[in-house]
Amino acid sequence: MITAHTDVVGSLLRPPELRQAREDVTAGNITQAEFKAIEDQAVDEAIALQEEAGLDVVTDGEMRRLSFQSQMTEAVEGFGEYNIDAFLWGDWYGVKTVGDIRLERPANLGVVSKLRRKRYLSADEFTYLRARTTRTPKITLPSPSLWTNFWSPDLSVSAYPTLDSFLADVVDILREEVAELVRLGATYVQLDAPHYPLLLDSKTRSFYEQQGWPLDKWLQKGIEMDNTVMGNFPGVTFGIHL
């Protein structure tokens, strides 16, 4: 018997007041407490929107994140300097009113020291979400091999001589995160892996292969790492966002 359910796969649009508040708190124009109140309101509205739409599974809309994957760089030391372009570089194609955009990969992007978790990535997101919905709460985490973007042969080798050594630590951090979420009661976790279909694009594939692995190894190793993060958590549903 197949049981269907409905849920949001990606981020919901951040409201203008939340985007402004993030700029204001960075500039020191509002306090962290004031920013948290605006952030909480955005999450509450995202939950209400999904419940009103009749979804079986709800997220917090990823309202607390600069990017869908940025909770990793915020919670873990070692990634070095970065901004939103670290997550958005590449070719973007839009309708005539928007046009096409190309963002270059930031030249100073790269992990610079051994990764050290300062806090859990999404535990607070989950506990807040769980307390405010009667639906199944879902948390999203980045697929380990997505972090290849943050390994640099110029900047990273003193901390991680190889891409493999860097991603091994990423896997450990993400698996510990899943274990903590499950301990807190999570039953649905999604791994975001939009880089897999992007390997079909010759430009993207060229970048990833220049990082050290040929295409066939990308699929093999990427899936192995995903399975390590997800493995041996009975009763937990895992989804993959491609």
Protein backbone atom coordinates (compact mmCIF):
# COMPACT_ATOMS: atom_id res chain seq x y z
CA MET A 1 0.00 0.00 0.00
CA ILE A 2 1.37 3.40 -1.02
CA THR A 3 0.81 6.26 1.41
CA ALA A 4 0.98 9.71 -0.16
CA HIS A 5 1.79 12.92 1.66
CA THR A 6 2.28 16.55 0.74
CA ASP A 7 5.11 18.82 1.82
CA VAL A 8 7.29 21.73 0.72
CA VAL A 9 10.61 20.69 -0.83
CA GLY A 10 12.57 23.95 -0.81
CA SER A 11 12.63 27.32 0.94
CA LEU A 12 9.65 29.61 1.15
CA LEU A 13 10.20 33.23 0.11
CA ARG A 14 11.52 35.36 2.96
CA PRO A 15 9.19 38.31 3.63
CA PRO A 16 10.66 41.79 3.01
CA GLU A 17 10.65 42.66 6.71
CA LEU A 18 12.78 39.61 7.51
CA ARG A 19 15.29 40.42 4.77
CA GLN A 20 15.51 43.99 6.08
CA ALA A 21 15.89 42.77 9.65
CA ARG A 22 18.81 40.55 8.68
CA GLU A 23 20.55 43.59 7.17
CA ASP A 24 19.70 45.69 10.22
CA VAL A 25 21.02 43.20 12.77
CA THR A 26 24.23 42.77 10.76
CA ALA A 27 24.69 46.54 10.74
CA GLY A 28 23.93 46.79 14.47
CA ASN A 29 20.73 48.79 13.95
CA ILE A 30 18.59 46.31 15.91
CA THR A 31 19.38 43.89 18.71
CA GLN A 32 19.57 40.11 18.40
CA ALA A 33 16.41 39.88 20.50
CA GLU A 34 14.55 42.19 18.12
CA PHE A 35 15.80 40.21 15.14
CA LYS A 36 14.73 36.93 16.78
CA ALA A 37 11.19 38.25 17.27
CA ILE A 38 10.92 39.16 13.58
CA GLU A 39 12.41 35.80 12.60
CA ASP A 40 9.95 33.93 14.84
CA GLN A 41 7.04 35.82 13.28
CA ALA A 42 8.19 34.83 9.80
CA VAL A 43 8.40 31.18 10.87
CA ASP A 44 4.94 31.32 12.45
CA GLU A 45 3.50 32.73 9.22
CA ALA A 46 5.26 30.06 7.14
CA ILE A 47 3.82 27.30 9.33
CA ALA A 48 0.32 28.81 9.13
CA LEU A 49 0.55 29.09 5.35
CA GLN A 50 1.41 25.40 4.97
CA GLU A 51 -1.25 24.26 7.42
CA GLU A 52 -3.91 26.36 5.70
CA ALA A 53 -2.89 24.77 2.40
CA GLY A 54 -3.56 21.35 3.95
CA LEU A 55 0.01 20.01 3.84
CA ASP A 56 0.70 16.86 5.86
CA VAL A 57 4.33 17.79 6.52
CA VAL A 58 5.50 21.30 7.37
CA THR A 59 8.84 23.08 7.59
CA ASP A 60 9.80 26.43 9.07
CA GLY A 61 10.25 27.73 5.53
CA GLU A 62 14.02 27.92 6.19
CA MET A 63 13.35 31.45 7.39
CA ARG A 64 16.32 31.39 9.78
CA ARG A 65 18.87 30.76 7.03
CA LEU A 66 20.78 33.05 4.69
CA SER A 67 20.75 30.14 2.23
CA PHE A 68 19.21 26.68 2.50
CA GLN A 69 22.66 25.34 3.44
CA SER A 70 24.06 28.24 5.46
CA GLN A 71 23.19 26.84 8.87
CA MET A 72 26.29 24.68 8.45
CA THR A 73 28.65 27.63 8.00
CA GLU A 74 26.95 29.49 10.85
CA ALA A 75 27.15 26.60 13.30
CA VAL A 76 30.59 25.23 12.41
CA GLU A 77 33.98 26.96 12.57
CA GLY A 78 36.58 26.56 9.84
CA PHE A 79 34.82 27.59 6.65
CA GLY A 80 36.54 30.96 6.40
CA GLU A 81 34.96 34.15 5.07
CA TYR A 82 31.86 33.88 2.91
CA ASN A 83 28.77 35.79 1.83
CA ILE A 84 25.58 34.90 -0.03
CA ASP A 85 27.51 34.54 -3.31
CA ALA A 86 29.22 31.47 -1.86
CA PHE A 87 25.90 29.67 -2.27
CA LEU A 88 24.58 31.38 -5.41
CA TRP A 89 27.48 31.58 -7.87
CA GLY A 90 26.92 30.23 -11.35
CA ASP A 91 24.62 30.87 -14.29
CA TRP A 92 21.01 31.86 -13.65
CA TYR A 93 18.45 32.12 -16.41
CA GLY A 94 15.38 34.32 -16.03
CA VAL A 95 12.43 35.61 -18.03
CA LYS A 96 12.86 38.75 -20.15
CA THR A 97 11.83 41.07 -17.32
CA VAL A 98 14.60 39.67 -15.11
CA GLY A 99 17.24 38.55 -17.58
CA ASP A 100 20.14 36.16 -17.15
CA ILE A 101 22.68 36.54 -14.36
CA ARG A 102 26.18 35.14 -13.98
CA LEU A 103 27.91 35.20 -10.62
CA GLU A 104 31.55 34.17 -10.37
CA ARG A 105 32.62 31.85 -7.58
CA PRO A 106 34.20 34.05 -4.87
CA ALA A 107 37.98 33.93 -5.19
CA ASN A 108 38.53 33.67 -1.41
CA LEU A 109 36.03 30.85 -0.90
CA GLY A 110 37.43 27.82 0.88
CA VAL A 111 37.61 26.01 4.20
CA VAL A 112 40.66 27.34 6.08
CA SER A 113 40.89 25.29 9.27
CA LYS A 114 39.65 22.06 10.80
CA LEU A 115 35.90 22.02 11.20
CA ARG A 116 34.61 22.38 14.75
CA ARG A 117 30.95 22.40 15.62
CA LYS A 118 30.00 25.34 17.85
CA ARG A 119 26.38 24.25 18.13
CA TYR A 120 23.95 21.94 16.41
CA LEU A 121 22.86 23.17 13.01
CA SER A 122 19.11 22.77 13.20
CA ALA A 123 18.14 21.55 16.66
CA ASP A 124 16.69 24.94 17.62
CA GLU A 125 14.83 25.14 14.30
CA PHE A 126 13.28 21.76 14.99
CA THR A 127 12.24 22.36 18.59
CA TYR A 128 10.58 25.67 17.67
CA LEU A 129 8.78 24.09 14.71
CA ARG A 130 7.70 21.00 16.64
CA ALA A 131 6.08 23.13 19.34
CA ARG A 132 3.97 25.08 16.85
CA THR A 133 2.40 22.48 14.60
CA THR A 134 0.35 19.32 14.92
CA ARG A 135 1.56 18.18 11.49
CA THR A 136 4.75 16.23 10.86
CA PRO A 137 7.70 18.65 11.23
CA LYS A 138 10.48 18.30 8.66
CA ILE A 139 14.04 19.58 8.89
CA THR A 140 16.32 19.94 5.86
CA LEU A 141 20.08 19.41 5.85
CA PRO A 142 22.65 19.75 3.05
CA SER A 143 23.98 16.66 1.33
CA PRO A 144 27.65 16.16 2.32
CA SER A 145 29.13 16.32 -1.19
CA LEU A 146 27.44 19.69 -1.78
CA TRP A 147 30.23 21.10 0.40
CA THR A 148 32.81 20.37 -2.26
CA ASN A 149 32.18 23.99 -3.19
CA PHE A 150 34.01 25.02 0.01
CA TRP A 151 37.19 23.04 -0.61
CA SER A 152 39.98 24.93 -2.35
CA PRO A 153 43.37 23.56 -3.47
CA ASP A 154 44.81 26.99 -2.73
CA LEU A 155 43.22 27.78 0.64
CA SER A 156 42.30 24.46 2.24
CA VAL A 157 45.24 22.09 1.96
CA SER A 158 46.85 23.12 5.25
CA ALA A 159 43.70 21.97 7.07
CA TYR A 160 42.51 19.32 4.63
CA PRO A 161 45.13 18.07 2.15
CA THR A 162 42.47 16.31 0.09
CA LEU A 163 38.81 16.78 -0.74
CA ASP A 164 38.12 13.35 0.77
CA SER A 165 39.54 14.33 4.16
CA PHE A 166 37.40 17.47 4.24
CA LEU A 167 34.17 15.71 3.28
CA ALA A 168 34.81 12.97 5.84
CA ASP A 169 34.53 15.60 8.60
CA VAL A 170 31.42 17.07 6.94
CA VAL A 171 29.82 13.62 7.00
CA ASP A 172 30.61 13.19 10.70
CA ILE A 173 29.07 16.56 11.58
CA LEU A 174 25.91 15.88 9.57
CA ARG A 175 25.48 12.38 10.98
CA GLU A 176 25.82 13.76 14.51
CA GLU A 177 23.20 16.34 13.57
CA VAL A 178 20.73 13.70 12.43
CA ALA A 179 21.32 11.74 15.64
CA GLU A 180 20.53 14.84 17.71
CA LEU A 181 17.40 15.61 15.69
CA VAL A 182 16.19 12.04 16.14
CA ARG A 183 16.89 12.25 19.88
CA LEU A 184 14.69 15.34 19.98
CA GLY A 185 11.88 13.47 18.23
CA ALA A 186 12.38 14.19 14.52
CA THR A 187 10.88 11.58 12.22
CA TYR A 188 11.37 13.30 8.85
CA VAL A 189 14.69 14.67 7.56
CA GLN A 190 15.44 15.87 4.03
CA LEU A 191 18.89 16.00 2.44
CA ASP A 192 19.26 18.79 -0.11
CA ALA A 193 21.36 17.66 -3.08
CA PRO A 194 20.67 20.02 -6.01
CA HIS A 195 24.24 19.56 -7.22
CA TYR A 196 23.51 16.09 -8.57
CA PRO A 197 21.35 17.20 -11.53
CA LEU A 198 23.67 20.17 -12.03
CA LEU A 199 26.39 17.67 -12.93
CA LEU A 200 24.55 17.33 -16.24
CA ASP A 201 25.64 20.88 -17.05
CA SER A 202 29.09 20.93 -18.64
CA LYS A 203 30.26 24.05 -16.75
CA THR A 204 29.16 22.77 -13.36
CA ARG A 205 30.51 19.29 -14.06
CA SER A 206 33.87 20.77 -15.04
CA PHE A 207 34.15 22.61 -11.72
CA TYR A 208 33.29 19.53 -9.68
CA GLU A 209 35.68 17.32 -11.62
CA GLN A 210 38.46 19.88 -11.17
CA GLN A 211 37.97 19.45 -7.43
CA GLY A 212 39.36 15.95 -7.78
CA TRP A 213 36.75 13.34 -8.72
CA PRO A 214 35.55 12.20 -12.16
CA LEU A 215 31.81 12.16 -12.81
CA ASP A 216 31.22 8.48 -12.05
CA LYS A 217 33.03 8.84 -8.72
CA TRP A 218 30.88 11.87 -7.87
CA LEU A 219 27.76 9.77 -8.03
CA GLN A 220 29.30 6.79 -6.24
CA LYS A 221 30.97 8.74 -3.42
CA GLY A 222 28.11 11.21 -3.06
CA ILE A 223 25.55 8.47 -2.59
CA GLU A 224 27.83 6.62 -0.16
CA MET A 225 28.15 9.76 1.99
CA ASP A 226 24.40 10.42 1.89
CA ASN A 227 23.76 6.86 3.02
CA THR A 228 26.25 7.24 5.89
CA VAL A 229 24.41 10.34 7.12
CA MET A 230 21.00 8.64 6.85
CA GLY A 231 21.86 5.09 7.88
CA ASN A 232 20.54 3.17 10.90
CA PHE A 233 17.82 5.49 12.13
CA PRO A 234 14.77 3.21 12.36
CA GLY A 235 11.41 4.90 12.03
CA VAL A 236 12.82 8.04 10.41
CA THR A 237 11.78 9.03 6.90
CA PHE A 238 14.51 10.55 4.73
CA GLY A 239 13.87 12.55 1.59
CA ILE A 240 16.25 13.76 -1.11
CA HIS A 241 15.83 17.15 -2.78
CA LEU A 242 17.41 17.16 -6.24
